[in-house]
Amino acid sequence: MSRQNHGLTTLFIGLAAAGGAVIALVLAPQSGKQMRRTLRRKYEGARDTVEDLGNRASDWIDKGSELADKAKRKIA
């Protein structure tokens, strides 16, 4: 499996898990105030995770660009 397909698969699994978690929270017997608090915490946690993954991806892209530049210099 290529890296791009692996990344998309991971993304879809993560989205499905997040969707399942939201559905479970909505169907759980809680008061509205508790549910909103729980959803807010879960949302903030997911947002932090996505932000962290974005930062990692950016780092990987930068490292890949550096390696490509080194390879170009060696060839030239």
C-alpha atoms as a PDB file:
ATOM      1  CA  MET A   1       0.000   0.000   0.000  1.00  0.00           C
ATOM      2  CA  SER A   2       1.395   3.407  -0.888  1.00  0.00           C
ATOM      3  CA  ARG A   3       2.002   6.043   1.783  1.00  0.00           C
ATOM      4  CA  GLN A   4      -0.782   8.232   0.392  1.00  0.00           C
ATOM      5  CA  ASN A   5      -3.304   5.378   0.539  1.00  0.00           C
ATOM      6  CA  HIS A   6      -2.125   4.509   4.038  1.00  0.00           C
ATOM      7  CA  GLY A   7      -2.613   8.126   5.114  1.00  0.00           C
ATOM      8  CA  LEU A   8      -6.118   8.259   3.630  1.00  0.00           C
ATOM      9  CA  THR A   9      -7.038   4.976   5.272  1.00  0.00           C
ATOM     10  CA  THR A  10      -5.805   6.268   8.620  1.00  0.00           C
ATOM     11  CA  LEU A  11      -7.759   9.499   8.129  1.00  0.00           C
ATOM     12  CA  PHE A  12     -10.997   7.655   7.333  1.00  0.00           C
ATOM     13  CA  ILE A  13     -10.579   5.308  10.294  1.00  0.00           C
ATOM     14  CA  GLY A  14     -10.008   8.314  12.557  1.00  0.00           C
ATOM     15  CA  LEU A  15     -13.086  10.094  11.190  1.00  0.00           C
ATOM     16  CA  ALA A  16     -15.202   6.961  11.610  1.00  0.00           C
ATOM     17  CA  ALA A  17     -13.988   6.562  15.200  1.00  0.00           C
ATOM     18  CA  ALA A  18     -14.743  10.215  15.950  1.00  0.00           C
ATOM     19  CA  GLY A  19     -18.197   9.872  14.404  1.00  0.00           C
ATOM     20  CA  GLY A  20     -18.878   6.758  16.452  1.00  0.00           C
ATOM     21  CA  ALA A  21     -17.757   8.521  19.609  1.00  0.00           C
ATOM     22  CA  VAL A  22     -20.090  11.453  18.925  1.00  0.00           C
ATOM     23  CA  ILE A  23     -23.023   9.119  18.261  1.00  0.00           C
ATOM     24  CA  ALA A  24     -22.292   7.203  21.466  1.00  0.00           C
ATOM     25  CA  LEU A  25     -22.162  10.441  23.443  1.00  0.00           C
ATOM     26  CA  VAL A  26     -25.412  11.709  21.943  1.00  0.00           C
ATOM     27  CA  LEU A  27     -27.216   8.466  22.709  1.00  0.00           C
ATOM     28  CA  ALA A  28     -25.795   8.136  26.235  1.00  0.00           C
ATOM     29  CA  PRO A  29     -28.178   9.059  29.041  1.00  0.00           C
ATOM     30  CA  GLN A  30     -26.758  12.383  30.278  1.00  0.00           C
ATOM     31  CA  SER A  31     -28.162  15.779  30.995  1.00  0.00           C
ATOM     32  CA  GLY A  32     -27.793  18.390  28.274  1.00  0.00           C
ATOM     33  CA  LYS A  33     -25.230  20.355  30.276  1.00  0.00           C
ATOM     34  CA  GLN A  34     -23.074  17.274  30.911  1.00  0.00           C
ATOM     35  CA  MET A  35     -23.311  16.218  27.269  1.00  0.00           C
ATOM     36  CA  ARG A  36     -22.268  19.644  26.007  1.00  0.00           C
ATOM     37  CA  ARG A  37     -19.305  19.653  28.397  1.00  0.00           C
ATOM     38  CA  THR A  38     -18.276  16.158  27.297  1.00  0.00           C
ATOM     39  CA  LEU A  39     -18.643  17.022  23.607  1.00  0.00           C
ATOM     40  CA  ARG A  40     -16.609  20.197  24.082  1.00  0.00           C
ATOM     41  CA  ARG A  41     -13.797  18.245  25.764  1.00  0.00           C
ATOM     42  CA  LYS A  42     -13.815  15.593  23.057  1.00  0.00           C
ATOM     43  CA  TYR A  43     -13.831  18.264  20.340  1.00  0.00           C
ATOM     44  CA  GLU A  44     -10.900  20.092  21.921  1.00  0.00           C
ATOM     45  CA  GLY A  45      -8.976  16.833  22.251  1.00  0.00           C
ATOM     46  CA  ALA A  46      -9.654  15.933  18.621  1.00  0.00           C
ATOM     47  CA  ARG A  47      -8.698  19.443  17.485  1.00  0.00           C
ATOM     48  CA  ASP A  48      -5.392  19.186  19.359  1.00  0.00           C
ATOM     49  CA  THR A  49      -4.725  15.773  17.836  1.00  0.00           C
ATOM     50  CA  VAL A  50      -5.431  17.003  14.299  1.00  0.00           C
ATOM     51  CA  GLU A  51      -3.238  20.059  14.882  1.00  0.00           C
ATOM     52  CA  ASP A  52      -0.423  17.811  16.127  1.00  0.00           C
ATOM     53  CA  LEU A  53      -0.778  15.541  13.094  1.00  0.00           C
ATOM     54  CA  GLY A  54      -0.669  18.593  10.830  1.00  0.00           C
ATOM     55  CA  ASN A  55       2.536  19.744  12.481  1.00  0.00           C
ATOM     56  CA  ARG A  56       4.077  16.299  12.059  1.00  0.00           C
ATOM     57  CA  ALA A  57       3.063  16.190   8.403  1.00  0.00           C
ATOM     58  CA  SER A  58       4.615  19.612   7.872  1.00  0.00           C
ATOM     59  CA  ASP A  59       7.840  18.406   9.490  1.00  0.00           C
ATOM     60  CA  TRP A  60       7.868  15.315   7.232  1.00  0.00           C
ATOM     61  CA  ILE A  61       7.326  17.478   4.160  1.00  0.00           C
ATOM     62  CA  ASP A  62      10.191  19.764   5.179  1.00  0.00           C
ATOM     63  CA  LYS A  63      12.471  16.792   5.800  1.00  0.00           C
ATOM     64  CA  GLY A  64      11.514  15.266   2.443  1.00  0.00           C
ATOM     65  CA  SER A  65      12.264  18.548   0.681  1.00  0.00           C
ATOM     66  CA  GLU A  66      15.657  18.731   2.373  1.00  0.00           C
ATOM     67  CA  LEU A  67      16.469  15.159   1.323  1.00  0.00           C
ATOM     68  CA  ALA A  68      15.356  15.892  -2.252  1.00  0.00           C
ATOM     69  CA  ASP A  69      17.560  18.995  -2.341  1.00  0.00           C
ATOM     70  CA  LYS A  70      20.549  16.984  -1.075  1.00  0.00           C
ATOM     71  CA  ALA A  71      19.945  14.355  -3.748  1.00  0.00           C
ATOM     72  CA  LYS A  72      19.743  17.035  -6.460  1.00  0.00           C
ATOM     73  CA  ARG A  73      23.041  18.550  -5.305  1.00  0.00           C
ATOM     74  CA  LYS A  74      24.754  15.150  -5.365  1.00  0.00           C
ATOM     75  CA  ILE A  75      23.536  14.451  -8.882  1.00  0.00           C
ATOM     76  CA  ALA A  76      24.480  17.877 -10.250  1.00  0.00           C
END
